[in-house]
Amino acid sequence: MGDNRNNSCDSRCSGHGPVPVDNIIGMARCIVLPPNRWGALG
């Protein structure tokens, strides 16, 4: 939460959603969530 809690928005706000695949420019190196899937990729 930020300093302006009453006028802030995060991924739970309407109008937001998952990041489009075209906007991803890196590679995942590990999985951290959910904890039962923790581990390195590749």
PDB file of N, CA and C in Angstrom:
ATOM      1  N   MET A   1       0.833  -1.171   0.000  1.00  0.00           N
ATOM      2  CA  MET A   1       0.000   0.000   0.000  1.00  0.00           C
ATOM      3  C   MET A   1       0.880   1.238   0.000  1.00  0.00           C
ATOM      4  N   GLY A   2       0.422   2.239  -0.685  1.00  0.00           N
ATOM      5  CA  GLY A   2       1.174   3.480  -0.752  1.00  0.00           C
ATOM      6  C   GLY A   2       0.702   4.482   0.286  1.00  0.00           C
ATOM      7  N   ASP A   3       1.239   5.674   0.213  1.00  0.00           N
ATOM      8  CA  ASP A   3       0.860   6.736   1.136  1.00  0.00           C
ATOM      9  C   ASP A   3      -0.544   7.260   0.861  1.00  0.00           C
ATOM     10  N   ASN A   4      -1.024   7.106  -0.373  1.00  0.00           N
ATOM     11  CA  ASN A   4      -2.331   7.618  -0.760  1.00  0.00           C
ATOM     12  C   ASN A   4      -3.312   6.449  -0.863  1.00  0.00           C
ATOM     13  N   ARG A   5      -3.522   5.770   0.235  1.00  0.00           N
ATOM     14  CA  ARG A   5      -4.302   4.534   0.261  1.00  0.00           C
ATOM     15  C   ARG A   5      -5.723   4.698  -0.271  1.00  0.00           C
ATOM     16  N   ASN A   6      -6.355   5.831  -0.018  1.00  0.00           N
ATOM     17  CA  ASN A   6      -7.738   6.041  -0.455  1.00  0.00           C
ATOM     18  C   ASN A   6      -7.856   6.341  -1.944  1.00  0.00           C
ATOM     19  N   ASN A   7      -6.760   6.653  -2.608  1.00  0.00           N
ATOM     20  CA  ASN A   7      -6.808   6.978  -4.028  1.00  0.00           C
ATOM     21  C   ASN A   7      -5.729   6.201  -4.779  1.00  0.00           C
ATOM     22  N   SER A   8      -5.525   4.952  -4.392  1.00  0.00           N
ATOM     23  CA  SER A   8      -4.519   4.107  -5.033  1.00  0.00           C
ATOM     24  C   SER A   8      -5.208   2.981  -5.781  1.00  0.00           C
ATOM     25  N   CYS A   9      -4.513   2.386  -6.713  1.00  0.00           N
ATOM     26  CA  CYS A   9      -5.072   1.275  -7.470  1.00  0.00           C
ATOM     27  C   CYS A   9      -3.964   0.256  -7.721  1.00  0.00           C
ATOM     28  N   ASP A  10      -4.319  -1.007  -7.615  1.00  0.00           N
ATOM     29  CA  ASP A  10      -3.371  -2.066  -7.925  1.00  0.00           C
ATOM     30  C   ASP A  10      -4.071  -3.096  -8.799  1.00  0.00           C
ATOM     31  N   SER A  11      -3.532  -4.286  -8.894  1.00  0.00           N
ATOM     32  CA  SER A  11      -4.078  -5.292  -9.807  1.00  0.00           C
ATOM     33  C   SER A  11      -5.494  -5.731  -9.452  1.00  0.00           C
ATOM     34  N   ARG A  12      -5.962  -5.406  -8.246  1.00  0.00           N
ATOM     35  CA  ARG A  12      -7.327  -5.784  -7.866  1.00  0.00           C
ATOM     36  C   ARG A  12      -8.366  -4.797  -8.367  1.00  0.00           C
ATOM     37  N   CYS A  13      -7.956  -3.638  -8.870  1.00  0.00           N
ATOM     38  CA  CYS A  13      -8.888  -2.632  -9.386  1.00  0.00           C
ATOM     39  C   CYS A  13      -9.460  -3.084 -10.728  1.00  0.00           C
ATOM     40  N   SER A  14     -10.659  -2.639 -11.009  1.00  0.00           N
ATOM     41  CA  SER A  14     -11.249  -2.983 -12.301  1.00  0.00           C
ATOM     42  C   SER A  14     -10.476  -2.296 -13.420  1.00  0.00           C
ATOM     43  N   GLY A  15     -10.471  -2.890 -14.574  1.00  0.00           N
ATOM     44  CA  GLY A  15      -9.750  -2.326 -15.707  1.00  0.00           C
ATOM     45  C   GLY A  15      -8.334  -2.850 -15.838  1.00  0.00           C
ATOM     46  N   HIS A  16      -7.871  -3.568 -14.826  1.00  0.00           N
ATOM     47  CA  HIS A  16      -6.534  -4.159 -14.866  1.00  0.00           C
ATOM     48  C   HIS A  16      -6.690  -5.668 -14.996  1.00  0.00           C
ATOM     49  N   GLY A  17      -5.672  -6.313 -15.406  1.00  0.00           N
ATOM     50  CA  GLY A  17      -5.712  -7.764 -15.536  1.00  0.00           C
ATOM     51  C   GLY A  17      -4.312  -8.288 -15.759  1.00  0.00           C
ATOM     52  N   PRO A  18      -4.196  -9.477 -16.319  1.00  0.00           N
ATOM     53  CA  PRO A  18      -2.877 -10.041 -16.563  1.00  0.00           C
ATOM     54  C   PRO A  18      -2.086  -9.208 -17.578  1.00  0.00           C
ATOM     55  N   VAL A  19      -0.784  -9.296 -17.502  1.00  0.00           N
ATOM     56  CA  VAL A  19       0.094  -8.597 -18.447  1.00  0.00           C
ATOM     57  C   VAL A  19       0.004  -9.305 -19.793  1.00  0.00           C
ATOM     58  N   PRO A  20      -0.241  -8.572 -20.884  1.00  0.00           N
ATOM     59  CA  PRO A  20      -0.270  -9.212 -22.198  1.00  0.00           C
ATOM     60  C   PRO A  20       1.091  -9.839 -22.527  1.00  0.00           C
ATOM     61  N   VAL A  21       1.080 -10.995 -23.159  1.00  0.00           N
ATOM     62  CA  VAL A  21       2.313 -11.705 -23.507  1.00  0.00           C
ATOM     63  C   VAL A  21       3.245 -10.817 -24.325  1.00  0.00           C
ATOM     64  N   ASP A  22       2.717  -9.981 -25.191  1.00  0.00           N
ATOM     65  CA  ASP A  22       3.549  -9.097 -26.019  1.00  0.00           C
ATOM     66  C   ASP A  22       4.333  -8.078 -25.190  1.00  0.00           C
ATOM     67  N   ASN A  23       3.915  -7.830 -23.940  1.00  0.00           N
ATOM     68  CA  ASN A  23       4.606  -6.867 -23.077  1.00  0.00           C
ATOM     69  C   ASN A  23       5.705  -7.510 -22.236  1.00  0.00           C
ATOM     70  N   ILE A  24       5.864  -8.807 -22.312  1.00  0.00           N
ATOM     71  CA  ILE A  24       6.888  -9.511 -21.534  1.00  0.00           C
ATOM     72  C   ILE A  24       8.153  -9.590 -22.368  1.00  0.00           C
ATOM     73  N   ILE A  25       9.257  -9.057 -21.818  1.00  0.00           N
ATOM     74  CA  ILE A  25      10.496  -9.002 -22.590  1.00  0.00           C
ATOM     75  C   ILE A  25      11.636  -9.795 -21.940  1.00  0.00           C
ATOM     76  N   GLY A  26      11.360 -10.527 -20.881  1.00  0.00           N
ATOM     77  CA  GLY A  26      12.395 -11.298 -20.196  1.00  0.00           C
ATOM     78  C   GLY A  26      12.029 -12.766 -20.149  1.00  0.00           C
ATOM     79  N   MET A  27      12.860 -13.530 -19.464  1.00  0.00           N
ATOM     80  CA  MET A  27      12.603 -14.961 -19.294  1.00  0.00           C
ATOM     81  C   MET A  27      12.487 -15.275 -17.810  1.00  0.00           C
ATOM     82  N   ALA A  28      11.556 -16.147 -17.460  1.00  0.00           N
ATOM     83  CA  ALA A  28      11.424 -16.593 -16.073  1.00  0.00           C
ATOM     84  C   ALA A  28      12.574 -17.526 -15.729  1.00  0.00           C
ATOM     85  N   ARG A  29      13.091 -17.386 -14.503  1.00  0.00           N
ATOM     86  CA  ARG A  29      14.177 -18.256 -14.052  1.00  0.00           C
ATOM     87  C   ARG A  29      13.725 -19.206 -12.956  1.00  0.00           C
ATOM     88  N   CYS A  30      12.636 -18.851 -12.264  1.00  0.00           N
ATOM     89  CA  CYS A  30      12.147 -19.728 -11.204  1.00  0.00           C
ATOM     90  C   CYS A  30      10.667 -19.449 -10.968  1.00  0.00           C
ATOM     91  N   ILE A  31      10.036 -20.378 -10.265  1.00  0.00           N
ATOM     92  CA  ILE A  31       8.634 -20.251  -9.870  1.00  0.00           C
ATOM     93  C   ILE A  31       8.616 -20.093  -8.357  1.00  0.00           C
ATOM     94  N   VAL A  32       7.926 -19.074  -7.848  1.00  0.00           N
ATOM     95  CA  VAL A  32       7.844 -18.877  -6.400  1.00  0.00           C
ATOM     96  C   VAL A  32       6.416 -18.985  -5.866  1.00  0.00           C
ATOM     97  N   LEU A  33       5.415 -18.816  -6.711  1.00  0.00           N
ATOM     98  CA  LEU A  33       4.027 -18.960  -6.279  1.00  0.00           C
ATOM     99  C   LEU A  33       3.293 -19.875  -7.232  1.00  0.00           C
ATOM    100  N   PRO A  34       2.533 -20.791  -6.776  1.00  0.00           N
ATOM    101  CA  PRO A  34       2.306 -21.180  -5.393  1.00  0.00           C
ATOM    102  C   PRO A  34       3.517 -21.924  -4.828  1.00  0.00           C
ATOM    103  N   PRO A  35       3.671 -21.906  -3.494  1.00  0.00           N
ATOM    104  CA  PRO A  35       4.852 -22.520  -2.871  1.00  0.00           C
ATOM    105  C   PRO A  35       5.088 -23.978  -3.242  1.00  0.00           C
ATOM    106  N   ASN A  36       4.041 -24.730  -3.540  1.00  0.00           N
ATOM    107  CA  ASN A  36       4.260 -26.141  -3.881  1.00  0.00           C
ATOM    108  C   ASN A  36       4.898 -26.312  -5.253  1.00  0.00           C
ATOM    109  N   ARG A  37       5.081 -25.217  -6.011  1.00  0.00           N
ATOM    110  CA  ARG A  37       5.745 -25.287  -7.322  1.00  0.00           C
ATOM    111  C   ARG A  37       7.097 -24.589  -7.321  1.00  0.00           C
ATOM    112  N   TRP A  38       7.647 -24.216  -6.148  1.00  0.00           N
ATOM    113  CA  TRP A  38       8.947 -23.553  -6.065  1.00  0.00           C
ATOM    114  C   TRP A  38       9.994 -24.368  -6.791  1.00  0.00           C
ATOM    115  N   GLY A  39      10.833 -23.693  -7.532  1.00  0.00           N
ATOM    116  CA  GLY A  39      11.940 -24.383  -8.179  1.00  0.00           C
ATOM    117  C   GLY A  39      12.454 -23.625  -9.380  1.00  0.00           C
ATOM    118  N   ALA A  40      13.595 -24.073  -9.873  1.00  0.00           N
ATOM    119  CA  ALA A  40      14.222 -23.455 -11.040  1.00  0.00           C
ATOM    120  C   ALA A  40      13.554 -23.945 -12.314  1.00  0.00           C
ATOM    121  N   LEU A  41      13.593 -23.118 -13.346  1.00  0.00           N
ATOM    122  CA  LEU A  41      13.071 -23.493 -14.658  1.00  0.00           C
ATOM    123  C   LEU A  41      14.238 -23.765 -15.595  1.00  0.00           C
ATOM    124  N   GLY A  42      14.022 -24.663 -16.525  1.00  0.00           N
ATOM    125  CA  GLY A  42      15.009 -24.914 -17.564  1.00  0.00           C
ATOM    126  C   GLY A  42      16.029 -25.852 -17.120  1.00  0.00           C
TER     127      GLY A  42
END
